[in-house]
N, C-alpha and C. Protein backbone atom coordinates (compact mmCIF):
# COMPACT_ATOMS: atom_id res chain seq x y z
N MET A 1 69.00 -84.43 7.85
CA MET A 1 69.05 -84.12 9.11
C MET A 1 69.26 -82.51 9.18
N PRO A 2 68.66 -81.77 9.91
CA PRO A 2 68.77 -80.40 9.83
C PRO A 2 70.14 -79.99 10.64
N THR A 3 70.56 -78.85 9.96
CA THR A 3 71.95 -78.42 10.58
C THR A 3 71.62 -77.38 11.59
N ILE A 4 72.25 -77.45 12.74
CA ILE A 4 72.06 -76.47 13.80
C ILE A 4 73.24 -75.53 13.66
N THR A 5 72.79 -74.29 13.51
CA THR A 5 73.77 -73.14 13.39
C THR A 5 74.10 -72.48 14.84
N ALA A 6 75.28 -72.51 15.25
CA ALA A 6 75.57 -71.88 16.58
C ALA A 6 75.38 -70.41 16.43
N ARG A 7 74.68 -69.74 17.49
CA ARG A 7 74.54 -68.38 17.61
C ARG A 7 75.73 -67.87 18.30
N PRO A 8 76.18 -66.65 17.85
CA PRO A 8 77.39 -66.14 18.69
C PRO A 8 76.94 -65.76 20.07
N PRO A 9 77.79 -65.85 20.94
CA PRO A 9 77.18 -65.38 22.42
C PRO A 9 76.97 -63.90 22.50
N LYS A 10 75.97 -63.47 23.50
CA LYS A 10 75.57 -62.17 23.46
C LYS A 10 76.13 -61.75 24.88
N SER A 11 76.45 -60.47 24.94
CA SER A 11 76.83 -59.84 26.29
C SER A 11 75.52 -59.24 26.91
N LYS A 12 75.47 -59.39 28.12
CA LYS A 12 74.33 -58.96 28.98
C LYS A 12 74.80 -57.70 29.65
N ILE A 13 73.87 -56.49 29.30
CA ILE A 13 74.17 -55.20 29.90
C ILE A 13 72.97 -54.92 30.50
N THR A 14 73.09 -53.71 31.22
CA THR A 14 71.92 -53.14 32.00
C THR A 14 71.77 -51.72 31.40
N VAL A 15 70.48 -51.33 31.14
CA VAL A 15 70.11 -50.02 30.62
C VAL A 15 69.13 -49.47 31.49
N THR A 16 69.24 -48.27 31.92
CA THR A 16 68.22 -47.48 32.71
C THR A 16 67.57 -46.70 31.65
N LEU A 17 66.13 -46.68 31.80
CA LEU A 17 65.20 -46.04 30.92
C LEU A 17 64.17 -45.37 31.76
N THR A 18 63.60 -44.25 31.16
CA THR A 18 62.66 -43.72 31.96
C THR A 18 61.28 -44.59 31.65
N PRO A 19 60.32 -44.32 32.72
CA PRO A 19 59.00 -45.28 32.73
C PRO A 19 58.34 -45.11 31.48
N ASP A 20 58.31 -43.82 30.85
CA ASP A 20 57.45 -43.47 29.57
C ASP A 20 58.02 -44.36 28.56
N LEU A 21 59.42 -44.35 28.43
CA LEU A 21 60.11 -45.14 27.35
C LEU A 21 59.79 -46.56 27.40
N VAL A 22 59.75 -47.12 28.81
CA VAL A 22 59.52 -48.46 28.87
C VAL A 22 58.17 -48.84 28.46
N SER A 23 57.20 -47.92 28.84
CA SER A 23 55.87 -48.29 28.43
C SER A 23 55.75 -48.18 27.05
N ARG A 24 56.43 -47.25 26.34
CA ARG A 24 56.27 -47.28 24.75
C ARG A 24 56.88 -48.60 24.13
N LEU A 25 58.02 -49.04 24.80
CA LEU A 25 58.66 -50.39 24.28
C LEU A 25 57.57 -51.44 24.68
N ASP A 26 56.97 -51.50 25.69
CA ASP A 26 56.10 -52.52 26.04
C ASP A 26 54.78 -52.56 25.12
N ALA A 27 54.40 -51.32 24.74
CA ALA A 27 53.44 -51.27 23.84
C ALA A 27 53.48 -51.85 22.37
N LEU A 28 54.80 -51.75 21.95
CA LEU A 28 55.34 -52.23 20.74
C LEU A 28 55.38 -53.87 20.93
N LEU A 29 55.25 -54.36 22.09
CA LEU A 29 55.46 -55.77 22.34
C LEU A 29 54.07 -56.60 22.57
N THR A 30 53.02 -56.02 22.12
CA THR A 30 51.59 -56.63 22.45
C THR A 30 51.30 -57.71 21.45
N GLY A 31 51.87 -57.87 20.27
CA GLY A 31 51.63 -58.71 19.26
C GLY A 31 51.93 -60.12 19.60
N PRO A 32 51.41 -61.24 18.94
CA PRO A 32 51.79 -62.65 19.20
C PRO A 32 53.18 -62.90 18.89
N ASN A 33 53.88 -62.27 17.89
CA ASN A 33 55.23 -62.57 17.66
C ASN A 33 56.15 -61.37 17.97
N ALA A 34 55.77 -60.86 19.11
CA ALA A 34 56.51 -59.55 19.47
C ALA A 34 57.96 -59.71 19.91
N GLY A 35 58.18 -60.91 20.55
CA GLY A 35 59.55 -61.01 20.97
C GLY A 35 59.75 -60.45 22.33
N SER A 36 60.94 -60.05 22.70
CA SER A 36 61.36 -59.58 23.89
C SER A 36 61.73 -58.09 23.94
N ARG A 37 61.84 -57.47 25.19
CA ARG A 37 62.38 -55.99 25.30
C ARG A 37 63.83 -56.14 24.74
N SER A 38 64.65 -57.21 25.05
CA SER A 38 65.94 -57.29 24.75
C SER A 38 66.06 -57.22 23.29
N ARG A 39 65.28 -58.16 22.51
CA ARG A 39 65.20 -58.26 21.15
C ARG A 39 64.95 -56.84 20.41
N LEU A 40 63.90 -56.22 20.97
CA LEU A 40 63.54 -54.92 20.35
C LEU A 40 64.47 -53.95 20.49
N VAL A 41 65.18 -53.75 21.74
CA VAL A 41 66.15 -52.93 21.92
C VAL A 41 67.45 -53.22 20.97
N GLU A 42 67.72 -54.48 20.76
CA GLU A 42 68.77 -54.91 19.94
C GLU A 42 68.56 -54.45 18.61
N GLU A 43 67.36 -54.82 18.11
CA GLU A 43 66.96 -54.38 16.67
C GLU A 43 66.98 -52.84 16.53
N ALA A 44 66.44 -52.21 17.46
CA ALA A 44 66.39 -50.60 17.35
C ALA A 44 67.92 -50.14 17.32
N LEU A 45 68.77 -50.67 18.30
CA LEU A 45 69.96 -50.12 18.27
C LEU A 45 70.81 -50.53 16.95
N ARG A 46 70.65 -51.69 16.43
CA ARG A 46 71.13 -52.12 15.12
C ARG A 46 70.68 -51.19 13.95
N GLN A 47 69.40 -50.93 13.93
CA GLN A 47 68.92 -50.01 12.99
C GLN A 47 69.54 -48.56 13.15
N TRP A 48 69.66 -48.06 14.36
CA TRP A 48 70.22 -46.68 14.54
C TRP A 48 71.72 -46.63 14.22
N LEU A 49 72.53 -47.81 14.43
CA LEU A 49 73.88 -47.79 13.98
C LEU A 49 73.98 -47.86 12.55
N CYS A 50 73.00 -48.55 11.86
CA CYS A 50 73.08 -48.56 10.33
C CYS A 50 72.78 -47.22 9.88
N ASP A 51 71.81 -46.58 10.52
CA ASP A 51 71.50 -45.12 9.98
C ASP A 51 72.54 -44.11 10.22
N GLN A 52 73.24 -44.31 11.45
CA GLN A 52 74.36 -43.50 11.64
C GLN A 52 75.65 -43.74 10.65
N THR A 53 75.82 -44.97 10.27
CA THR A 53 76.87 -45.17 9.26
C THR A 53 76.48 -44.56 7.86
N HIS A 54 75.24 -44.72 7.67
CA HIS A 54 74.70 -44.04 6.30
C HIS A 54 74.80 -42.58 6.39
N HIS A 55 74.54 -41.95 7.48
CA HIS A 55 74.65 -40.53 7.80
C HIS A 55 76.09 -40.09 7.58
N ASP A 56 77.02 -40.87 8.26
CA ASP A 56 78.47 -40.57 8.18
C ASP A 56 78.93 -40.66 6.79
N LEU A 57 78.60 -41.67 6.00
CA LEU A 57 78.92 -41.86 4.61
C LEU A 57 78.42 -40.48 3.78
N GLU A 58 77.31 -40.20 4.01
CA GLU A 58 76.76 -38.94 3.30
C GLU A 58 77.57 -37.82 3.51
N HIS A 59 77.82 -37.64 4.92
CA HIS A 59 78.65 -36.45 5.42
C HIS A 59 79.94 -36.52 4.66
N GLN A 60 80.66 -37.68 4.74
CA GLN A 60 82.00 -37.86 4.12
C GLN A 60 81.91 -37.47 2.62
N THR A 61 80.99 -37.94 2.03
CA THR A 61 80.84 -37.61 0.50
C THR A 61 80.63 -36.19 0.23
N GLU A 62 79.76 -35.56 1.04
CA GLU A 62 79.52 -34.11 0.95
C GLU A 62 80.89 -33.43 1.10
N GLU A 63 81.61 -33.81 2.12
CA GLU A 63 82.83 -33.02 2.35
C GLU A 63 83.96 -33.25 1.30
N TYR A 64 83.93 -34.42 0.71
CA TYR A 64 84.82 -34.66 -0.35
C TYR A 64 84.47 -33.76 -1.54
N TYR A 65 83.18 -33.59 -1.88
CA TYR A 65 82.84 -32.83 -3.04
C TYR A 65 83.05 -31.47 -2.72
N ARG A 66 82.81 -30.92 -1.46
CA ARG A 66 83.10 -29.55 -1.07
C ARG A 66 84.64 -29.26 -1.39
N SER A 67 85.33 -30.26 -1.03
CA SER A 67 86.83 -29.96 -0.99
C SER A 67 87.52 -29.84 -2.42
N LEU A 68 86.76 -30.25 -3.50
CA LEU A 68 87.31 -30.32 -4.82
C LEU A 68 87.47 -28.79 -5.31
N SER A 69 88.60 -28.59 -6.00
CA SER A 69 89.02 -27.38 -6.72
C SER A 69 87.94 -27.23 -7.91
N LYS A 70 87.78 -26.06 -8.42
CA LYS A 70 86.97 -25.82 -9.61
C LYS A 70 87.32 -26.82 -10.75
N ALA A 71 88.56 -26.94 -11.04
CA ALA A 71 89.16 -27.69 -12.01
C ALA A 71 88.58 -29.23 -11.73
N GLU A 72 88.81 -29.56 -10.66
CA GLU A 72 88.37 -31.06 -10.29
C GLU A 72 86.70 -31.21 -10.37
N ARG A 73 86.05 -30.30 -9.92
CA ARG A 73 84.59 -30.21 -10.23
C ARG A 73 84.25 -30.32 -11.59
N ASP A 74 84.90 -29.59 -12.51
CA ASP A 74 84.69 -29.50 -13.91
C ASP A 74 84.89 -30.92 -14.41
N GLU A 75 86.14 -31.40 -14.13
CA GLU A 75 86.53 -32.71 -14.56
C GLU A 75 85.43 -33.88 -14.16
N ASP A 76 84.89 -33.80 -12.90
CA ASP A 76 83.95 -34.66 -12.49
C ASP A 76 82.75 -34.56 -13.35
N ARG A 77 82.35 -33.21 -13.46
CA ARG A 77 81.09 -33.02 -14.44
C ARG A 77 81.20 -33.76 -15.80
N ARG A 78 82.46 -33.52 -16.30
CA ARG A 78 82.61 -33.96 -17.73
C ARG A 78 82.55 -35.61 -17.65
N TRP A 79 83.17 -36.30 -16.62
CA TRP A 79 82.98 -37.67 -16.61
C TRP A 79 81.66 -38.05 -16.31
N SER A 80 80.89 -37.37 -15.57
CA SER A 80 79.39 -37.76 -15.35
C SER A 80 78.67 -37.71 -16.68
N GLN A 81 78.97 -36.70 -17.53
CA GLN A 81 78.33 -36.49 -18.74
C GLN A 81 78.62 -37.78 -19.73
N VAL A 82 79.98 -38.07 -19.56
CA VAL A 82 80.37 -39.35 -20.49
C VAL A 82 79.52 -40.49 -19.86
N ALA A 83 79.52 -40.79 -18.67
CA ALA A 83 78.88 -41.99 -18.06
C ALA A 83 77.44 -41.93 -18.48
N ALA A 84 76.78 -40.69 -18.30
CA ALA A 84 75.35 -40.73 -18.69
C ALA A 84 75.18 -41.09 -20.09
N ARG A 85 75.91 -40.58 -21.12
CA ARG A 85 75.73 -40.91 -22.52
C ARG A 85 75.97 -42.34 -22.73
N SER A 86 76.91 -42.94 -22.09
CA SER A 86 77.13 -44.39 -22.17
C SER A 86 76.12 -45.14 -21.68
N ALA A 87 75.45 -44.87 -20.48
CA ALA A 87 74.53 -45.57 -19.82
C ALA A 87 73.21 -45.45 -20.96
N LYS A 88 72.98 -44.33 -21.41
CA LYS A 88 71.81 -44.10 -22.37
C LYS A 88 71.91 -44.95 -23.55
N ARG A 89 73.12 -44.98 -24.05
CA ARG A 89 73.37 -45.90 -25.21
C ARG A 89 73.07 -47.29 -24.88
N LEU A 90 73.61 -47.81 -23.66
CA LEU A 90 73.39 -49.14 -23.36
C LEU A 90 71.93 -49.57 -23.06
N TRP A 91 71.15 -48.65 -22.50
CA TRP A 91 69.89 -48.83 -22.11
C TRP A 91 68.92 -48.89 -23.43
N ASN A 92 69.32 -48.05 -24.47
CA ASN A 92 68.45 -48.00 -25.57
C ASN A 92 68.70 -49.18 -26.61
N GLN A 93 69.79 -49.88 -26.30
CA GLN A 93 70.01 -51.12 -27.20
C GLN A 93 68.96 -52.15 -27.02
């Protein structure tokens, strides 16, 4: 017997868009498996949030490395060299 998985409830919101943006959304929904405007907007927003998280992580990583002292950067470089040599030995086995 198939198992039915309950979907979490969704919140209904209202979004006001310019007519040109609505036309562009509708143009994406012309295929047979297109779905709905709500689904398209939800997927686009989910992707945008994922991209933002990735961008924030890159920014935080960059800030971390910029904050290191010369001694810390030198130590990090040495550890990177050790790791590269170890990886090369493992891959060549």
